[in-house]
Amino acid sequence: DDAASTDKITPVVVAGATKIVAIAAGGYHS
């Protein structure tokens, strides 16, 4: 979402991610 690298306890918008059709989450990357 930004360069602050701050934990978020509620959902935030991923910056610049549009026209997405599938997602995957790894250990510490997405």
PDB file of all heavy atoms in Angstrom:
ATOM      1  N   ASP A   1       0.804  -1.223   0.000  1.00  0.00           N
ATOM      2  CA  ASP A   1       0.000   0.000   0.000  1.00  0.00           C
ATOM      3  C   ASP A   1       0.831   1.265   0.000  1.00  0.00           C
ATOM      4  O   ASP A   1       0.376   2.312  -0.451  1.00  0.00           O
ATOM      5  CB  ASP A   1      -0.952   0.012   1.192  1.00  0.00           C
ATOM      6  CG  ASP A   1      -0.219  -0.017   2.536  1.00  0.00           C
ATOM      7  OD1 ASP A   1       0.827  -0.687   2.620  1.00  0.00           O
ATOM      8  OD2 ASP A   1      -0.707   0.606   3.490  1.00  0.00           O
ATOM      9  N   ASP A   2       2.065   1.198   0.539  1.00  0.00           N
ATOM     10  CA  ASP A   2       2.915   2.377   0.558  1.00  0.00           C
ATOM     11  C   ASP A   2       4.308   1.981   1.011  1.00  0.00           C
ATOM     12  O   ASP A   2       4.601   0.785   1.169  1.00  0.00           O
ATOM     13  CB  ASP A   2       2.347   3.460   1.491  1.00  0.00           C
ATOM     14  CG  ASP A   2       2.081   2.937   2.899  1.00  0.00           C
ATOM     15  OD1 ASP A   2       2.880   2.124   3.412  1.00  0.00           O
ATOM     16  OD2 ASP A   2       1.070   3.344   3.481  1.00  0.00           O
ATOM     17  N   ALA A   3       5.161   2.956   1.235  1.00  0.00           N
ATOM     18  CA  ALA A   3       6.535   2.672   1.625  1.00  0.00           C
ATOM     19  C   ALA A   3       6.744   2.704   3.132  1.00  0.00           C
ATOM     20  O   ALA A   3       7.874   2.588   3.608  1.00  0.00           O
ATOM     21  CB  ALA A   3       7.476   3.679   0.964  1.00  0.00           C
ATOM     22  N   ALA A   4       5.682   2.835   3.899  1.00  0.00           N
ATOM     23  CA  ALA A   4       5.823   2.959   5.347  1.00  0.00           C
ATOM     24  C   ALA A   4       6.136   1.629   6.019  1.00  0.00           C
ATOM     25  O   ALA A   4       6.702   1.593   7.109  1.00  0.00           O
ATOM     26  CB  ALA A   4       4.550   3.552   5.945  1.00  0.00           C
ATOM     27  N   SER A   5       5.768   0.520   5.378  1.00  0.00           N
ATOM     28  CA  SER A   5       5.995  -0.820   5.938  1.00  0.00           C
ATOM     29  C   SER A   5       5.444  -0.925   7.361  1.00  0.00           C
ATOM     30  O   SER A   5       6.099  -1.416   8.279  1.00  0.00           O
ATOM     31  CB  SER A   5       7.488  -1.171   5.912  1.00  0.00           C
ATOM     32  OG  SER A   5       7.956  -1.210   4.592  1.00  0.00           O
ATOM     33  N   THR A   6       4.220  -0.463   7.524  1.00  0.00           N
ATOM     34  CA  THR A   6       3.548  -0.466   8.823  1.00  0.00           C
ATOM     35  C   THR A   6       2.414  -1.478   8.806  1.00  0.00           C
ATOM     36  O   THR A   6       1.588  -1.481   7.884  1.00  0.00           O
ATOM     37  CB  THR A   6       2.983   0.931   9.142  1.00  0.00           C
ATOM     38  OG1 THR A   6       4.037   1.882   9.087  1.00  0.00           O
ATOM     39  CG2 THR A   6       2.335   0.946  10.513  1.00  0.00           C
ATOM     40  N   ASP A   7       2.353  -2.334   9.823  1.00  0.00           N
ATOM     41  CA  ASP A   7       1.276  -3.317   9.913  1.00  0.00           C
ATOM     42  C   ASP A   7      -0.088  -2.623   9.890  1.00  0.00           C
ATOM     43  O   ASP A   7      -0.247  -1.515  10.417  1.00  0.00           O
ATOM     44  CB  ASP A   7       1.395  -4.128  11.202  1.00  0.00           C
ATOM     45  CG  ASP A   7       2.654  -4.984  11.256  1.00  0.00           C
ATOM     46  OD1 ASP A   7       3.383  -5.027  10.239  1.00  0.00           O
ATOM     47  OD2 ASP A   7       2.908  -5.588  12.312  1.00  0.00           O
ATOM     48  N   LYS A   8      -1.071  -3.300   9.276  1.00  0.00           N
ATOM     49  CA  LYS A   8      -2.421  -2.757   9.202  1.00  0.00           C
ATOM     50  C   LYS A   8      -3.398  -3.766   9.801  1.00  0.00           C
ATOM     51  O   LYS A   8      -3.387  -4.941   9.436  1.00  0.00           O
ATOM     52  CB  LYS A   8      -2.811  -2.480   7.744  1.00  0.00           C
ATOM     53  CG  LYS A   8      -1.826  -1.604   6.975  1.00  0.00           C
ATOM     54  CD  LYS A   8      -1.681  -0.224   7.557  1.00  0.00           C
ATOM     55  CE  LYS A   8      -0.892   0.725   6.662  1.00  0.00           C
ATOM     56  NZ  LYS A   8       0.435   0.250   6.260  1.00  0.00           N
ATOM     57  N   ILE A   9      -4.247  -3.303  10.723  1.00  0.00           N
ATOM     58  CA  ILE A   9      -5.182  -4.206  11.390  1.00  0.00           C
ATOM     59  C   ILE A   9      -6.564  -4.197  10.741  1.00  0.00           C
ATOM     60  O   ILE A   9      -7.464  -4.929  11.158  1.00  0.00           O
ATOM     61  CB  ILE A   9      -5.293  -3.884  12.891  1.00  0.00           C
ATOM     62  CG1 ILE A   9      -5.733  -2.436  13.113  1.00  0.00           C
ATOM     63  CG2 ILE A   9      -3.949  -4.126  13.574  1.00  0.00           C
ATOM     64  CD1 ILE A   9      -5.944  -2.076  14.581  1.00  0.00           C
ATOM     65  N   THR A  10      -6.726  -3.380   9.709  1.00  0.00           N
ATOM     66  CA  THR A  10      -7.926  -3.396   8.875  1.00  0.00           C
ATOM     67  C   THR A  10      -7.482  -3.296   7.415  1.00  0.00           C
ATOM     68  O   THR A  10      -6.372  -2.833   7.127  1.00  0.00           O
ATOM     69  CB  THR A  10      -8.870  -2.221   9.208  1.00  0.00           C
ATOM     70  OG1 THR A  10      -8.153  -0.993   9.081  1.00  0.00           O
ATOM     71  CG2 THR A  10      -9.430  -2.351  10.611  1.00  0.00           C
ATOM     72  N   PRO A  11      -8.306  -3.716   6.470  1.00  0.00           N
ATOM     73  CA  PRO A  11      -7.907  -3.732   5.059  1.00  0.00           C
ATOM     74  C   PRO A  11      -7.556  -2.360   4.504  1.00  0.00           C
ATOM     75  O   PRO A  11      -8.199  -1.355   4.810  1.00  0.00           O
ATOM     76  CB  PRO A  11      -9.143  -4.302   4.360  1.00  0.00           C
ATOM     77  CG  PRO A  11      -9.800  -5.144   5.402  1.00  0.00           C
ATOM     78  CD  PRO A  11      -9.602  -4.399   6.684  1.00  0.00           C
ATOM     79  N   VAL A  12      -6.507  -2.336   3.665  1.00  0.00           N
ATOM     80  CA  VAL A  12      -6.096  -1.145   2.928  1.00  0.00           C
ATOM     81  C   VAL A  12      -5.998  -1.515   1.453  1.00  0.00           C
ATOM     82  O   VAL A  12      -5.921  -2.693   1.096  1.00  0.00           O
ATOM     83  CB  VAL A  12      -4.740  -0.597   3.429  1.00  0.00           C
ATOM     84  CG1 VAL A  12      -4.860  -0.079   4.852  1.00  0.00           C
ATOM     85  CG2 VAL A  12      -3.647  -1.660   3.330  1.00  0.00           C
ATOM     86  N   VAL A  13      -5.979  -0.530   0.584  1.00  0.00           N
ATOM     87  CA  VAL A  13      -5.927  -0.769  -0.859  1.00  0.00           C
ATOM     88  C   VAL A  13      -4.477  -0.932  -1.305  1.00  0.00           C
ATOM     89  O   VAL A  13      -3.604  -0.143  -0.930  1.00  0.00           O
ATOM     90  CB  VAL A  13      -6.579   0.394  -1.621  1.00  0.00           C
ATOM     91  CG1 VAL A  13      -6.445   0.193  -3.133  1.00  0.00           C
ATOM     92  CG2 VAL A  13      -8.050   0.524  -1.235  1.00  0.00           C
ATOM     93  N   VAL A  14      -4.212  -1.968  -2.115  1.00  0.00           N
ATOM     94  CA  VAL A  14      -2.887  -2.171  -2.696  1.00  0.00           C
ATOM     95  C   VAL A  14      -2.682  -1.134  -3.792  1.00  0.00           C
ATOM     96  O   VAL A  14      -3.507  -1.011  -4.709  1.00  0.00           O
ATOM     97  CB  VAL A  14      -2.736  -3.596  -3.263  1.00  0.00           C
ATOM     98  CG1 VAL A  14      -1.377  -3.767  -3.949  1.00  0.00           C
ATOM     99  CG2 VAL A  14      -2.904  -4.625  -2.159  1.00  0.00           C
ATOM    100  N   ALA A  15      -1.577  -0.401  -3.713  1.00  0.00           N
ATOM    101  CA  ALA A  15      -1.335   0.717  -4.620  1.00  0.00           C
ATOM    102  C   ALA A  15      -1.129   0.250  -6.065  1.00  0.00           C
ATOM    103  O   ALA A  15      -0.336  -0.660  -6.325  1.00  0.00           O
ATOM    104  CB  ALA A  15      -0.109   1.502  -4.152  1.00  0.00           C
ATOM    105  N   GLY A  16      -1.840   0.863  -6.993  1.00  0.00           N
ATOM    106  CA  GLY A  16      -1.600   0.626  -8.414  1.00  0.00           C
ATOM    107  C   GLY A  16      -1.979  -0.743  -8.932  1.00  0.00           C
ATOM    108  O   GLY A  16      -1.616  -1.084 -10.063  1.00  0.00           O
ATOM    109  N   ALA A  17      -2.698  -1.531  -8.153  1.00  0.00           N
ATOM    110  CA  ALA A  17      -3.100  -2.873  -8.596  1.00  0.00           C
ATOM    111  C   ALA A  17      -4.514  -2.814  -9.170  1.00  0.00           C
ATOM    112  O   ALA A  17      -5.487  -2.670  -8.430  1.00  0.00           O
ATOM    113  CB  ALA A  17      -3.038  -3.860  -7.444  1.00  0.00           C
ATOM    114  N   THR A  18      -4.615  -2.893 -10.490  1.00  0.00           N
ATOM    115  CA  THR A  18      -5.909  -2.860 -11.170  1.00  0.00           C
ATOM    116  C   THR A  18      -5.979  -3.986 -12.202  1.00  0.00           C
ATOM    117  O   THR A  18      -4.962  -4.558 -12.580  1.00  0.00           O
ATOM    118  CB  THR A  18      -6.121  -1.521 -11.884  1.00  0.00           C
ATOM    119  OG1 THR A  18      -5.075  -1.325 -12.850  1.00  0.00           O
ATOM    120  CG2 THR A  18      -6.107  -0.367 -10.894  1.00  0.00           C
ATOM    121  N   LYS A  19      -7.168  -4.315 -12.611  1.00  0.00           N
ATOM    122  CA  LYS A  19      -7.413  -5.377 -13.593  1.00  0.00           C
ATOM    123  C   LYS A  19      -6.789  -6.695 -13.131  1.00  0.00           C
ATOM    124  O   LYS A  19      -6.251  -7.469 -13.929  1.00  0.00           O
ATOM    125  CB  LYS A  19      -6.875  -4.979 -14.970  1.00  0.00           C
ATOM    126  CG  LYS A  19      -7.543  -3.747 -15.542  1.00  0.00           C
ATOM    127  CD  LYS A  19      -7.015  -3.404 -16.924  1.00  0.00           C
ATOM    128  CE  LYS A  19      -7.724  -2.171 -17.476  1.00  0.00           C
ATOM    129  NZ  LYS A  19      -7.218  -1.815 -18.831  1.00  0.00           N
ATOM    130  N   ILE A  20      -6.882  -6.970 -11.829  1.00  0.00           N
ATOM    131  CA  ILE A  20      -6.351  -8.199 -11.252  1.00  0.00           C
ATOM    132  C   ILE A  20      -7.389  -9.315 -11.373  1.00  0.00           C
ATOM    133  O   ILE A  20      -8.587  -9.097 -11.150  1.00  0.00           O
ATOM    134  CB  ILE A  20      -5.965  -7.983  -9.775  1.00  0.00           C
ATOM    135  CG1 ILE A  20      -4.995  -6.805  -9.652  1.00  0.00           C
ATOM    136  CG2 ILE A  20      -5.368  -9.249  -9.179  1.00  0.00           C
ATOM    137  CD1 ILE A  20      -3.725  -6.948 -10.450  1.00  0.00           C
ATOM    138  N   VAL A  21      -6.931 -10.511 -11.709  1.00  0.00           N
ATOM    139  CA  VAL A  21      -7.840 -11.655 -11.855  1.00  0.00           C
ATOM    140  C   VAL A  21      -7.488 -12.810 -10.919  1.00  0.00           C
ATOM    141  O   VAL A  21      -8.301 -13.727 -10.749  1.00  0.00           O
ATOM    142  CB  VAL A  21      -7.861 -12.153 -13.309  1.00  0.00           C
ATOM    143  CG1 VAL A  21      -8.438 -11.082 -14.231  1.00  0.00           C
ATOM    144  CG2 VAL A  21      -6.478 -12.579 -13.785  1.00  0.00           C
ATOM    145  N   ALA A  22      -6.296 -12.806 -10.316  1.00  0.00           N
ATOM    146  CA  ALA A  22      -5.916 -13.874  -9.388  1.00  0.00           C
ATOM    147  C   ALA A  22      -4.814 -13.362  -8.473  1.00  0.00           C
ATOM    148  O   ALA A  22      -4.054 -12.454  -8.844  1.00  0.00           O
ATOM    149  CB  ALA A  22      -5.442 -15.121 -10.139  1.00  0.00           C
ATOM    150  N   ILE A  23      -4.705 -13.951  -7.277  1.00  0.00           N
ATOM    151  CA  ILE A  23      -3.726 -13.498  -6.294  1.00  0.00           C
ATOM    152  C   ILE A  23      -3.084 -14.686  -5.591  1.00  0.00           C
ATOM    153  O   ILE A  23      -3.630 -15.786  -5.561  1.00  0.00           O
ATOM    154  CB  ILE A  23      -4.375 -12.580  -5.232  1.00  0.00           C
ATOM    155  CG1 ILE A  23      -5.614 -13.249  -4.629  1.00  0.00           C
ATOM    156  CG2 ILE A  23      -4.704 -11.232  -5.833  1.00  0.00           C
ATOM    157  CD1 ILE A  23      -6.284 -12.433  -3.542  1.00  0.00           C
ATOM    158  N   ALA A  24      -1.887 -14.435  -5.014  1.00  0.00           N
ATOM    159  CA  ALA A  24      -1.193 -15.430  -4.211  1.00  0.00           C
ATOM    160  C   ALA A  24      -0.370 -14.702  -3.159  1.00  0.00           C
ATOM    161  O   ALA A  24       0.198 -13.635  -3.439  1.00  0.00           O
ATOM    162  CB  ALA A  24      -0.291 -16.317  -5.067  1.00  0.00           C
ATOM    163  N   ALA A  25      -0.285 -15.267  -1.956  1.00  0.00           N
ATOM    164  CA  ALA A  25       0.482 -14.673  -0.874  1.00  0.00           C
ATOM    165  C   ALA A  25       1.522 -15.663  -0.393  1.00  0.00           C
ATOM    166  O   ALA A  25       1.198 -16.805  -0.047  1.00  0.00           O
ATOM    167  CB  ALA A  25      -0.446 -14.269   0.280  1.00  0.00           C
ATOM    168  N   GLY A  26       2.791 -15.240  -0.397  1.00  0.00           N
ATOM    169  CA  GLY A  26       3.871 -16.097   0.066  1.00  0.00           C
ATOM    170  C   GLY A  26       4.220 -15.803   1.509  1.00  0.00           C
ATOM    171  O   GLY A  26       3.420 -15.237   2.260  1.00  0.00           O
ATOM    172  N   GLY A  27       5.446 -16.170   1.910  1.00  0.00           N
ATOM    173  CA  GLY A  27       5.861 -15.919   3.270  1.00  0.00           C
ATOM    174  C   GLY A  27       5.772 -14.443   3.613  1.00  0.00           C
ATOM    175  O   GLY A  27       5.022 -14.037   4.510  1.00  0.00           O
ATOM    176  N   TYR A  28       6.527 -13.617   2.881  1.00  0.00           N
ATOM    177  CA  TYR A  28       6.521 -12.184   3.117  1.00  0.00           C
ATOM    178  C   TYR A  28       6.472 -11.417   1.800  1.00  0.00           C
ATOM    179  O   TYR A  28       6.968 -10.295   1.703  1.00  0.00           O
ATOM    180  CB  TYR A  28       7.767 -11.780   3.909  1.00  0.00           C
ATOM    181  CG  TYR A  28       7.848 -12.458   5.261  1.00  0.00           C
ATOM    182  CD1 TYR A  28       8.606 -13.616   5.425  1.00  0.00           C
ATOM    183  CD2 TYR A  28       7.157 -11.950   6.354  1.00  0.00           C
ATOM    184  CE1 TYR A  28       8.671 -14.253   6.665  1.00  0.00           C
ATOM    185  CE2 TYR A  28       7.219 -12.580   7.589  1.00  0.00           C
ATOM    186  CZ  TYR A  28       7.971 -13.730   7.742  1.00  0.00           C
ATOM    187  OH  TYR A  28       8.034 -14.360   8.961  1.00  0.00           O
ATOM    188  N   HIS A  29       5.897 -12.031   0.776  1.00  0.00           N
ATOM    189  CA  HIS A  29       5.712 -11.338  -0.491  1.00  0.00           C
ATOM    190  C   HIS A  29       4.356 -11.689  -1.069  1.00  0.00           C
ATOM    191  O   HIS A  29       3.689 -12.627  -0.608  1.00  0.00           O
ATOM    192  CB  HIS A  29       6.837 -11.656  -1.478  1.00  0.00           C
ATOM    193  CG  HIS A  29       6.800 -13.045  -2.062  1.00  0.00           C
ATOM    194  ND1 HIS A  29       7.046 -14.185  -1.332  1.00  0.00           N
ATOM    195  CD2 HIS A  29       6.545 -13.473  -3.331  1.00  0.00           C
ATOM    196  CE1 HIS A  29       6.957 -15.245  -2.109  1.00  0.00           C
ATOM    197  NE2 HIS A  29       6.645 -14.844  -3.330  1.00  0.00           N
ATOM    198  N   SER A  30       3.927 -10.933  -2.066  1.00  0.00           N
ATOM    199  CA  SER A  30       2.604 -11.110  -2.658  1.00  0.00           C
ATOM    200  C   SER A  30       2.705 -11.082  -4.176  1.00  0.00           C
ATOM    201  O   SER A  30       3.588 -10.432  -4.737  1.00  0.00           O
ATOM    202  CB  SER A  30       1.650 -10.004  -2.184  1.00  0.00           C
ATOM    203  OG  SER A  30       1.582  -9.948  -0.775  1.00  0.00           O
TER     204      SER A  30
END
